[in-house]
Amino acid sequence: MNVKRGKWQYVSIFPCFIKKYCPFSLHLLENVSSRTGKGDNIFDHIDDPEGLFDSEDPIARPLVRFEKEFKISDPSALLNSRYAEIYNLSIHLDVYSIAPKRFQKVYELILTARFFFGMGTGVLSLANAILHL
């Protein structure tokens, strides 16, 4: 009911449209890139009980795009240099934990941001707020 007009208003919701064109949150992309190894299926790490997605492509596509082109050439190095400026220490990451991941550059950024912010989750959105990825 539209209160101002005093009439009923028709509202149509298209779940397929929302599913197809709604961008994913950075928290979901962080979770996927942190848990998915090379050769793994993304659906092994997230639940889709209603079968909303036909394939993993809509979820993997933004991460592949991040892998190819950040607006900043190396955001992990930038966070590391800012950390070094503040604490006079550099962030050292375990290369062996990054190598088996499917989205290595994104995962490296997540590990650097976790160290930088001192948090376990939600760091990709914080890094985006600072670096404008």
N, C-alpha and C. Protein backbone atom coordinates (compact mmCIF):
# COMPACT_ATOMS: atom_id res chain seq x y z
N MET A 1 0.85 -1.17 0.00
CA MET A 1 0.00 0.00 0.00
C MET A 1 0.89 1.24 0.00
N ASN A 2 0.70 2.08 -0.97
CA ASN A 2 1.40 3.35 -1.02
C ASN A 2 0.60 4.33 -0.18
N VAL A 3 1.14 4.72 0.96
CA VAL A 3 0.42 5.55 1.91
C VAL A 3 0.14 6.93 1.34
N LYS A 4 1.06 7.51 0.62
CA LYS A 4 0.87 8.87 0.08
C LYS A 4 -0.25 8.92 -0.95
N ARG A 5 -0.30 7.90 -1.81
CA ARG A 5 -1.31 7.89 -2.87
C ARG A 5 -2.59 7.21 -2.43
N GLY A 6 -2.52 6.41 -1.39
CA GLY A 6 -3.70 5.68 -0.93
C GLY A 6 -4.10 4.56 -1.86
N LYS A 7 -3.16 4.04 -2.63
CA LYS A 7 -3.45 2.98 -3.57
C LYS A 7 -2.47 1.83 -3.38
N TRP A 8 -2.90 0.65 -3.82
CA TRP A 8 -2.01 -0.49 -3.81
C TRP A 8 -1.01 -0.34 -4.94
N GLN A 9 0.21 -0.74 -4.68
CA GLN A 9 1.27 -0.63 -5.68
C GLN A 9 1.83 -2.02 -5.93
N TYR A 10 1.95 -2.38 -7.19
CA TYR A 10 2.46 -3.69 -7.56
C TYR A 10 3.99 -3.68 -7.49
N VAL A 11 4.55 -4.66 -6.79
CA VAL A 11 5.99 -4.80 -6.69
C VAL A 11 6.34 -6.19 -7.19
N SER A 12 7.28 -6.24 -8.13
CA SER A 12 7.68 -7.52 -8.69
C SER A 12 9.13 -7.79 -8.32
N ILE A 13 9.36 -8.99 -7.85
CA ILE A 13 10.72 -9.39 -7.49
C ILE A 13 11.11 -10.54 -8.40
N PHE A 14 12.27 -10.40 -9.04
CA PHE A 14 12.77 -11.43 -9.93
C PHE A 14 14.00 -12.07 -9.30
N PRO A 15 13.84 -13.22 -8.63
CA PRO A 15 14.99 -13.84 -7.98
C PRO A 15 16.14 -14.13 -8.93
N CYS A 16 15.84 -14.52 -10.16
CA CYS A 16 16.92 -14.80 -11.12
C CYS A 16 17.71 -13.54 -11.41
N PHE A 17 17.03 -12.42 -11.51
CA PHE A 17 17.70 -11.16 -11.78
C PHE A 17 18.61 -10.79 -10.61
N ILE A 18 18.07 -10.92 -9.40
CA ILE A 18 18.86 -10.60 -8.21
C ILE A 18 20.06 -11.53 -8.11
N LYS A 19 19.84 -12.81 -8.32
CA LYS A 19 20.92 -13.79 -8.24
C LYS A 19 22.01 -13.50 -9.27
N LYS A 20 21.60 -13.13 -10.46
CA LYS A 20 22.56 -12.96 -11.55
C LYS A 20 23.34 -11.66 -11.45
N TYR A 21 22.69 -10.58 -11.04
CA TYR A 21 23.33 -9.28 -11.13
C TYR A 21 23.71 -8.66 -9.79
N CYS A 22 23.37 -9.29 -8.70
CA CYS A 22 23.73 -8.76 -7.39
C CYS A 22 25.21 -9.05 -7.12
N PRO A 23 26.02 -8.03 -6.90
CA PRO A 23 27.44 -8.30 -6.65
C PRO A 23 27.63 -8.98 -5.29
N PHE A 24 28.67 -9.77 -5.20
CA PHE A 24 28.95 -10.48 -3.97
C PHE A 24 29.67 -9.56 -2.99
N SER A 25 29.51 -9.84 -1.73
CA SER A 25 30.20 -9.05 -0.72
C SER A 25 31.68 -9.44 -0.69
N LEU A 26 32.49 -8.52 -0.25
CA LEU A 26 33.92 -8.80 -0.14
C LEU A 26 34.18 -9.85 0.94
N HIS A 27 33.28 -9.96 1.91
CA HIS A 27 33.43 -10.98 2.95
C HIS A 27 33.30 -12.38 2.34
N LEU A 28 32.35 -12.54 1.43
CA LEU A 28 32.19 -13.84 0.77
C LEU A 28 33.41 -14.15 -0.09
N LEU A 29 33.87 -13.15 -0.85
CA LEU A 29 35.04 -13.36 -1.71
C LEU A 29 36.28 -13.65 -0.87
N GLU A 30 36.39 -13.02 0.28
CA GLU A 30 37.52 -13.30 1.18
C GLU A 30 37.45 -14.73 1.69
N ASN A 31 36.26 -15.16 2.06
CA ASN A 31 36.08 -16.53 2.55
C ASN A 31 36.43 -17.55 1.46
N VAL A 32 35.95 -17.31 0.26
CA VAL A 32 36.20 -18.23 -0.85
C VAL A 32 37.69 -18.29 -1.18
N SER A 33 38.33 -17.14 -1.28
CA SER A 33 39.75 -17.15 -1.66
C SER A 33 40.63 -17.70 -0.54
N SER A 34 40.20 -17.58 0.71
CA SER A 34 40.98 -18.11 1.82
C SER A 34 40.89 -19.63 1.92
N ARG A 35 39.77 -20.18 1.50
CA ARG A 35 39.54 -21.61 1.71
C ARG A 35 39.75 -22.46 0.46
N THR A 36 39.73 -21.87 -0.72
CA THR A 36 39.77 -22.64 -1.96
C THR A 36 41.21 -22.84 -2.43
N GLY A 37 41.58 -24.09 -2.59
CA GLY A 37 42.91 -24.43 -3.08
C GLY A 37 42.88 -24.66 -4.58
N LYS A 38 44.05 -24.85 -5.16
CA LYS A 38 44.13 -25.14 -6.60
C LYS A 38 43.39 -26.43 -6.90
N GLY A 39 42.56 -26.39 -7.92
CA GLY A 39 41.81 -27.56 -8.32
C GLY A 39 40.55 -27.81 -7.52
N ASP A 40 40.33 -27.03 -6.46
CA ASP A 40 39.12 -27.19 -5.64
C ASP A 40 37.92 -26.55 -6.31
N ASN A 41 36.77 -27.10 -6.04
CA ASN A 41 35.51 -26.51 -6.46
C ASN A 41 35.06 -25.55 -5.36
N ILE A 42 34.64 -24.38 -5.74
CA ILE A 42 34.22 -23.37 -4.76
C ILE A 42 33.06 -23.90 -3.92
N PHE A 43 32.19 -24.71 -4.51
CA PHE A 43 31.02 -25.22 -3.79
C PHE A 43 31.40 -26.21 -2.69
N ASP A 44 32.64 -26.67 -2.68
CA ASP A 44 33.10 -27.51 -1.58
C ASP A 44 33.30 -26.69 -0.31
N HIS A 45 33.36 -25.37 -0.45
CA HIS A 45 33.66 -24.49 0.68
C HIS A 45 32.53 -23.54 1.05
N ILE A 46 31.49 -23.48 0.24
CA ILE A 46 30.32 -22.67 0.58
C ILE A 46 29.07 -23.53 0.40
N ASP A 47 28.01 -23.15 1.06
CA ASP A 47 26.75 -23.87 0.94
C ASP A 47 25.85 -23.19 -0.07
N ASP A 48 25.25 -23.98 -0.92
CA ASP A 48 24.24 -23.51 -1.86
C ASP A 48 23.13 -24.56 -1.88
N PRO A 49 22.44 -24.73 -0.74
CA PRO A 49 21.46 -25.82 -0.64
C PRO A 49 20.29 -25.70 -1.60
N GLU A 50 19.95 -24.48 -2.01
CA GLU A 50 18.83 -24.30 -2.92
C GLU A 50 19.26 -24.34 -4.38
N GLY A 51 20.54 -24.52 -4.63
CA GLY A 51 21.04 -24.60 -5.99
C GLY A 51 20.83 -23.33 -6.78
N LEU A 52 21.15 -22.19 -6.15
CA LEU A 52 20.96 -20.90 -6.82
C LEU A 52 21.94 -20.68 -7.96
N PHE A 53 23.08 -21.34 -7.88
CA PHE A 53 24.11 -21.12 -8.89
C PHE A 53 24.30 -22.38 -9.73
N ASP A 54 24.32 -22.17 -11.03
CA ASP A 54 24.54 -23.28 -11.96
C ASP A 54 26.01 -23.69 -11.99
N SER A 55 26.87 -22.69 -11.82
CA SER A 55 28.31 -22.97 -11.85
C SER A 55 29.00 -22.02 -10.88
N GLU A 56 30.28 -22.24 -10.68
CA GLU A 56 31.04 -21.38 -9.78
C GLU A 56 31.54 -20.11 -10.46
N ASP A 57 31.32 -19.98 -11.74
CA ASP A 57 31.84 -18.84 -12.50
C ASP A 57 31.43 -17.47 -11.94
N PRO A 58 30.17 -17.24 -11.55
CA PRO A 58 29.84 -15.91 -11.03
C PRO A 58 30.59 -15.56 -9.75
N ILE A 59 30.97 -16.55 -8.98
CA ILE A 59 31.71 -16.30 -7.75
C ILE A 59 33.20 -16.16 -8.05
N ALA A 60 33.71 -17.00 -8.94
CA ALA A 60 35.15 -16.99 -9.26
C ALA A 60 35.54 -15.80 -10.13
N ARG A 61 34.62 -15.32 -10.95
CA ARG A 61 34.95 -14.25 -11.90
C ARG A 61 35.53 -12.99 -11.22
N PRO A 62 34.92 -12.47 -10.14
CA PRO A 62 35.54 -11.29 -9.50
C PRO A 62 36.92 -11.58 -8.93
N LEU A 63 37.12 -12.78 -8.42
CA LEU A 63 38.44 -13.12 -7.87
C LEU A 63 39.48 -13.25 -8.96
N VAL A 64 39.10 -13.82 -10.10
CA VAL A 64 40.02 -13.91 -11.24
C VAL A 64 40.36 -12.51 -11.73
N ARG A 65 39.36 -11.64 -11.72
CA ARG A 65 39.60 -10.26 -12.14
C ARG A 65 40.56 -9.56 -11.18
N PHE A 66 40.37 -9.78 -9.87
CA PHE A 66 41.31 -9.24 -8.89
C PHE A 66 42.72 -9.76 -9.15
N GLU A 67 42.82 -11.03 -9.47
CA GLU A 67 44.13 -11.63 -9.73
C GLU A 67 44.84 -10.93 -10.89
N LYS A 68 44.08 -10.55 -11.90
CA LYS A 68 44.68 -9.96 -13.10
C LYS A 68 44.95 -8.47 -12.95
N GLU A 69 44.05 -7.77 -12.29
CA GLU A 69 44.20 -6.31 -12.26
C GLU A 69 43.63 -5.67 -11.01
N PHE A 70 44.51 -5.32 -10.10
CA PHE A 70 44.15 -4.43 -9.02
C PHE A 70 44.38 -3.02 -9.54
N LYS A 71 43.71 -2.02 -8.99
CA LYS A 71 43.98 -0.64 -9.40
C LYS A 71 45.39 -0.23 -8.99
N ILE A 72 45.87 -0.84 -7.92
CA ILE A 72 47.24 -0.63 -7.45
C ILE A 72 48.03 -1.86 -7.89
N SER A 73 49.25 -1.65 -8.36
CA SER A 73 49.99 -2.77 -8.93
C SER A 73 50.24 -3.90 -7.92
N ASP A 74 50.58 -3.59 -6.68
CA ASP A 74 50.82 -4.62 -5.68
C ASP A 74 50.30 -4.14 -4.33
N PRO A 75 49.02 -4.38 -4.05
CA PRO A 75 48.44 -3.87 -2.80
C PRO A 75 49.05 -4.49 -1.55
N SER A 76 49.52 -5.73 -1.63
CA SER A 76 50.16 -6.37 -0.47
C SER A 76 51.44 -5.63 -0.10
N ALA A 77 52.21 -5.27 -1.10
CA ALA A 77 53.45 -4.54 -0.85
C ALA A 77 53.17 -3.16 -0.27
N LEU A 78 52.10 -2.51 -0.73
CA LEU A 78 51.74 -1.20 -0.21
C LEU A 78 51.34 -1.29 1.27
N LEU A 79 50.53 -2.28 1.61
CA LEU A 79 50.16 -2.48 3.02
C LEU A 79 51.40 -2.80 3.86
N ASN A 80 52.29 -3.61 3.31
CA ASN A 80 53.51 -3.97 4.01
C ASN A 80 54.38 -2.74 4.25
N SER A 81 54.48 -1.88 3.26
CA SER A 81 55.30 -0.67 3.44
C SER A 81 54.68 0.29 4.45
N ARG A 82 53.36 0.39 4.45
CA ARG A 82 52.69 1.23 5.46
C ARG A 82 52.91 0.66 6.87
N TYR A 83 52.85 -0.65 6.98
CA TYR A 83 53.09 -1.29 8.26
C TYR A 83 54.53 -1.02 8.71
N ALA A 84 55.47 -1.10 7.78
CA ALA A 84 56.88 -0.85 8.09
C ALA A 84 57.10 0.59 8.53
N GLU A 85 56.40 1.53 7.92
CA GLU A 85 56.51 2.94 8.31
C GLU A 85 56.03 3.16 9.74
N ILE A 86 54.96 2.47 10.11
CA ILE A 86 54.36 2.67 11.43
C ILE A 86 55.14 1.93 12.52
N TYR A 87 55.44 0.66 12.30
CA TYR A 87 56.02 -0.19 13.34
C TYR A 87 57.51 -0.48 13.16
N ASN A 88 58.09 -0.03 12.08
CA ASN A 88 59.49 -0.27 11.77
C ASN A 88 59.80 -1.78 11.68
N LEU A 89 58.79 -2.53 11.25
CA LEU A 89 58.91 -3.97 11.01
C LEU A 89 58.21 -4.27 9.70
N SER A 90 58.64 -5.32 9.04
CA SER A 90 57.93 -5.71 7.83
C SER A 90 57.13 -6.98 8.10
N ILE A 91 56.14 -7.20 7.28
CA ILE A 91 55.28 -8.37 7.40
C ILE A 91 55.89 -9.50 6.59
N HIS A 92 56.15 -10.61 7.22
CA HIS A 92 56.70 -11.77 6.54
C HIS A 92 55.61 -12.84 6.45
N LEU A 93 55.31 -13.25 5.24
CA LEU A 93 54.27 -14.25 5.03
C LEU A 93 54.89 -15.61 4.72
N ASP A 94 54.17 -16.64 5.06
CA ASP A 94 54.59 -18.00 4.77
C ASP A 94 54.24 -18.31 3.32
N VAL A 95 55.23 -18.35 2.46
CA VAL A 95 55.03 -18.59 1.03
C VAL A 95 54.38 -19.95 0.78
N TYR A 96 54.69 -20.90 1.64
CA TYR A 96 54.15 -22.25 1.46
C TYR A 96 52.65 -22.33 1.73
N SER A 97 52.11 -21.37 2.47
CA SER A 97 50.66 -21.37 2.68
C SER A 97 49.94 -20.68 1.52
N ILE A 98 50.64 -19.85 0.77
CA ILE A 98 50.03 -19.14 -0.36
C ILE A 98 50.04 -19.99 -1.63
N ALA A 99 51.09 -20.75 -1.84
CA ALA A 99 51.28 -21.52 -3.07
C ALA A 99 50.13 -22.46 -3.41
N PRO A 100 49.53 -23.17 -2.45
CA PRO A 100 48.46 -24.10 -2.84
C PRO A 100 47.09 -23.46 -3.06
N LYS A 101 46.98 -22.16 -2.89
CA LYS A 101 45.69 -21.49 -3.03
C LYS A 101 45.35 -21.22 -4.49
N ARG A 102 44.08 -21.24 -4.80
CA ARG A 102 43.62 -21.02 -6.17
C ARG A 102 43.75 -19.54 -6.57
N PHE A 103 43.49 -18.64 -5.64
CA PHE A 103 43.58 -17.20 -5.90
C PHE A 103 44.72 -16.63 -5.05
N GLN A 104 45.93 -16.82 -5.52
CA GLN A 104 47.12 -16.55 -4.72
C GLN A 104 47.32 -15.07 -4.39
N LYS A 105 47.13 -14.18 -5.35
CA LYS A 105 47.35 -12.76 -5.09
C LYS A 105 46.33 -12.21 -4.10
N VAL A 106 45.09 -12.64 -4.25
CA VAL A 106 44.05 -12.20 -3.33
C VAL A 106 44.32 -12.75 -1.94
N TYR A 107 44.72 -14.00 -1.87
CA TYR A 107 45.02 -14.61 -0.57
C TYR A 107 46.22 -13.94 0.09
N GLU A 108 47.22 -13.59 -0.70
CA GLU A 108 48.38 -12.88 -0.16
C GLU A 108 47.95 -11.54 0.42
N LEU A 109 47.06 -10.84 -0.28
CA LEU A 109 46.54 -9.57 0.23
C LEU A 109 45.77 -9.79 1.53
N ILE A 110 44.99 -10.85 1.58
CA ILE A 110 44.21 -11.15 2.79
C ILE A 110 45.14 -11.42 3.97
N LEU A 111 46.17 -12.23 3.75
CA LEU A 111 47.12 -12.53 4.83
C LEU A 111 47.84 -11.27 5.30
N THR A 112 48.24 -10.42 4.36
CA THR A 112 48.91 -9.17 4.72
C THR A 112 47.96 -8.27 5.50
N ALA A 113 46.72 -8.18 5.03
CA ALA A 113 45.73 -7.34 5.70
C ALA A 113 45.39 -7.88 7.09
N ARG A 114 45.36 -9.20 7.24
CA ARG A 114 45.10 -9.78 8.57
C ARG A 114 46.19 -9.38 9.55
N PHE A 115 47.41 -9.42 9.08
CA PHE A 115 48.53 -9.01 9.94
C PHE A 115 48.46 -7.51 10.20
N PHE A 116 48.19 -6.72 9.16
CA PHE A 116 48.14 -5.27 9.25
C PHE A 116 47.07 -4.79 10.22
N PHE A 117 45.86 -5.35 10.11
CA PHE A 117 44.74 -4.91 10.94
C PHE A 117 44.61 -5.70 12.24
N GLY A 118 45.29 -6.82 12.35
CA GLY A 118 45.20 -7.63 13.56
C GLY A 118 43.85 -8.31 13.72
N MET A 119 43.24 -8.65 12.60
CA MET A 119 41.92 -9.28 12.61
C MET A 119 41.98 -10.58 11.82
N GLY A 120 41.04 -11.48 12.09
CA GLY A 120 41.01 -12.76 11.40
C GLY A 120 40.12 -12.78 10.18
N THR A 121 39.05 -12.00 10.19
CA THR A 121 38.11 -11.98 9.06
C THR A 121 37.68 -10.54 8.78
N GLY A 122 37.13 -10.34 7.60
CA GLY A 122 36.62 -9.02 7.22
C GLY A 122 37.70 -8.03 6.83
N VAL A 123 38.89 -8.51 6.53
CA VAL A 123 40.00 -7.61 6.25
C VAL A 123 40.04 -7.14 4.80
N LEU A 124 39.43 -7.89 3.89
CA LEU A 124 39.45 -7.48 2.49
C LEU A 124 38.66 -6.17 2.30
N SER A 125 37.55 -6.04 3.01
CA SER A 125 36.77 -4.81 2.91
C SER A 125 37.52 -3.64 3.57
N LEU A 126 38.25 -3.90 4.65
CA LEU A 126 39.06 -2.85 5.27
C LEU A 126 40.18 -2.41 4.34
N ALA A 127 40.84 -3.38 3.71
CA ALA A 127 41.91 -3.06 2.77
C ALA A 127 41.34 -2.26 1.59
N ASN A 128 40.15 -2.62 1.14
CA ASN A 128 39.51 -1.87 0.06
C ASN A 128 39.20 -0.44 0.47
N ALA A 129 38.78 -0.25 1.72
CA ALA A 129 38.47 1.10 2.20
C ALA A 129 39.71 1.99 2.22
N ILE A 130 40.86 1.40 2.49
CA ILE A 130 42.10 2.17 2.54
C ILE A 130 42.74 2.32 1.16
N LEU A 131 42.80 1.22 0.42
CA LEU A 131 43.55 1.20 -0.85
C LEU A 131 42.71 1.46 -2.08
N HIS A 132 41.40 1.36 -1.96
CA HIS A 132 40.49 1.52 -3.12
C HIS A 132 40.89 0.56 -4.25
N LEU A 133 40.79 -0.72 -3.94
CA LEU A 133 41.18 -1.77 -4.86
C LEU A 133 40.34 -1.74 -6.11
